[in-house]
Amino acid sequence: MTEPRLKTSLWISAQIRLCDLSFMPAVVARRGDSDAGQVMVLRNLLDGTFELFARTTDLDGGSAWRCASGPDPVDYTTASKLIAREADFDPDIWVLEIEDRDRRYELDAPVI
């Protein structure tokens, strides 16, 4: 059984507020379905590289994240291509971009 979820638009708003409280600029780079759109978090490391995370579920049906950009940070062109590929599969995705040089932003579930 899967756990109940917030509407995606509400989750995004909450994450932007959390980033504001931590003085980390965050913007919605792509707006998806407000009720149940897939979420990707693009962490801008402010050195020309990015990390891209996509929300997923673990084997038990719980929330988790996967590092869609791989183990090493990628450039903006590569991150954009990964987002475009995901959008081709699911046009309702959200992309939240966070400026986070020190990797202080914490995802709300484990990265698997």
Protein backbone atom coordinates (compact mmCIF):
# COMPACT_ATOMS: atom_id res chain seq x y z
CA MET A 1 0.00 0.00 0.00
CA THR A 2 1.31 3.44 -0.87
CA GLU A 3 1.38 6.31 1.57
CA PRO A 4 -0.93 9.31 1.11
CA ARG A 5 0.55 12.23 -0.79
CA LEU A 6 0.13 15.96 -0.82
CA LYS A 7 -0.94 17.64 -4.02
CA THR A 8 2.19 18.36 -6.00
CA SER A 9 1.56 22.10 -6.16
CA LEU A 10 1.32 22.23 -2.36
CA TRP A 11 4.52 20.19 -1.95
CA ILE A 12 6.37 22.53 -4.35
CA SER A 13 5.12 25.60 -2.46
CA ALA A 14 6.30 24.10 0.82
CA GLN A 15 9.75 23.36 -0.59
CA ILE A 16 10.11 26.90 -1.90
CA ARG A 17 9.15 28.22 1.54
CA LEU A 18 11.69 25.92 3.23
CA CYS A 19 14.37 27.15 0.84
CA ASP A 20 13.39 30.77 1.54
CA LEU A 21 13.81 30.15 5.27
CA SER A 22 17.30 28.78 4.60
CA PHE A 23 18.23 31.64 2.23
CA MET A 24 18.47 29.32 -0.78
CA PRO A 25 16.89 30.74 -3.93
CA ALA A 26 14.38 28.32 -5.44
CA VAL A 27 12.19 28.68 -8.52
CA VAL A 28 9.72 26.56 -10.42
CA ALA A 29 11.58 25.95 -13.68
CA ARG A 30 8.73 23.87 -15.11
CA ARG A 31 5.12 23.68 -13.95
CA GLY A 32 3.30 20.37 -14.23
CA ASP A 33 0.01 18.87 -13.13
CA SER A 34 -1.01 20.55 -9.88
CA ASP A 35 -2.54 17.43 -8.36
CA ALA A 36 -0.19 14.56 -9.13
CA GLY A 37 2.64 15.65 -11.40
CA GLN A 38 6.05 13.99 -11.21
CA VAL A 39 8.72 16.11 -9.47
CA MET A 40 12.34 16.69 -10.38
CA VAL A 41 14.70 18.78 -8.25
CA LEU A 42 17.54 20.49 -10.09
CA ARG A 43 20.27 21.48 -7.65
CA ASN A 44 22.39 24.29 -9.09
CA LEU A 45 25.83 24.05 -7.50
CA LEU A 46 26.67 27.56 -8.78
CA ASP A 47 29.89 26.41 -10.44
CA GLY A 48 28.34 25.53 -13.81
CA THR A 49 27.28 22.06 -12.66
CA PHE A 50 23.97 20.57 -11.56
CA GLU A 51 22.52 17.53 -9.83
CA LEU A 52 19.12 16.28 -10.93
CA PHE A 53 16.88 14.20 -8.67
CA ALA A 54 13.59 12.55 -9.62
CA ARG A 55 10.91 11.43 -7.19
CA THR A 56 10.23 7.71 -7.29
CA THR A 57 9.02 4.92 -5.02
CA ASP A 58 11.04 2.23 -3.28
CA LEU A 59 10.28 -1.48 -3.39
CA ASP A 60 7.88 -1.15 -0.46
CA GLY A 61 5.88 1.63 -2.16
CA GLY A 62 7.34 4.41 -0.02
CA SER A 63 8.70 7.73 -1.26
CA ALA A 64 12.27 7.88 -2.48
CA TRP A 65 14.46 9.85 -4.88
CA ARG A 66 16.85 8.76 -7.60
CA CYS A 67 19.78 10.76 -8.86
CA ALA A 68 18.73 11.15 -12.50
CA SER A 69 22.00 12.86 -13.43
CA GLY A 70 24.20 10.04 -12.18
CA PRO A 71 26.88 10.00 -9.49
CA ASP A 72 28.68 13.14 -10.68
CA PRO A 73 27.31 16.64 -11.31
CA VAL A 74 26.54 17.49 -14.95
CA ASP A 75 26.50 20.69 -17.01
CA TYR A 76 23.29 22.59 -17.75
CA THR A 77 22.94 21.18 -21.27
CA THR A 78 23.05 17.61 -20.00
CA ALA A 79 20.58 18.37 -17.20
CA SER A 80 18.23 20.04 -19.69
CA LYS A 81 18.36 17.00 -21.96
CA LEU A 82 17.54 14.71 -19.05
CA ILE A 83 14.57 16.89 -18.13
CA ALA A 84 13.40 17.01 -21.76
CA ARG A 85 13.63 13.23 -22.02
CA GLU A 86 11.54 12.85 -18.87
CA ALA A 87 9.03 15.44 -20.16
CA ASP A 88 8.66 13.45 -23.40
CA PHE A 89 7.64 10.48 -21.27
CA ASP A 90 5.53 12.47 -18.77
CA PRO A 91 4.53 16.01 -19.85
CA ASP A 92 3.06 16.75 -16.38
CA ILE A 93 6.41 16.97 -14.57
CA TRP A 94 7.47 19.77 -12.28
CA VAL A 95 11.07 20.97 -12.06
CA LEU A 96 12.14 22.82 -8.93
CA GLU A 97 15.53 24.51 -9.32
CA ILE A 98 17.43 25.31 -6.15
CA GLU A 99 20.68 27.29 -5.88
CA ASP A 100 22.59 25.22 -3.36
CA ARG A 101 26.37 25.41 -3.59
CA ASP A 102 26.89 23.66 -0.23
CA ARG A 103 24.28 20.89 -0.78
CA ARG A 104 22.29 22.00 2.26
CA TYR A 105 18.88 21.25 0.75
CA GLU A 106 17.59 17.94 2.08
CA LEU A 107 15.24 15.83 0.02
CA ASP A 108 12.23 14.57 1.98
CA ALA A 109 12.99 10.89 1.35
CA PRO A 110 16.13 8.78 0.85
CA VAL A 111 18.05 8.72 -2.43
CA ILE A 112 18.14 5.19 -3.82
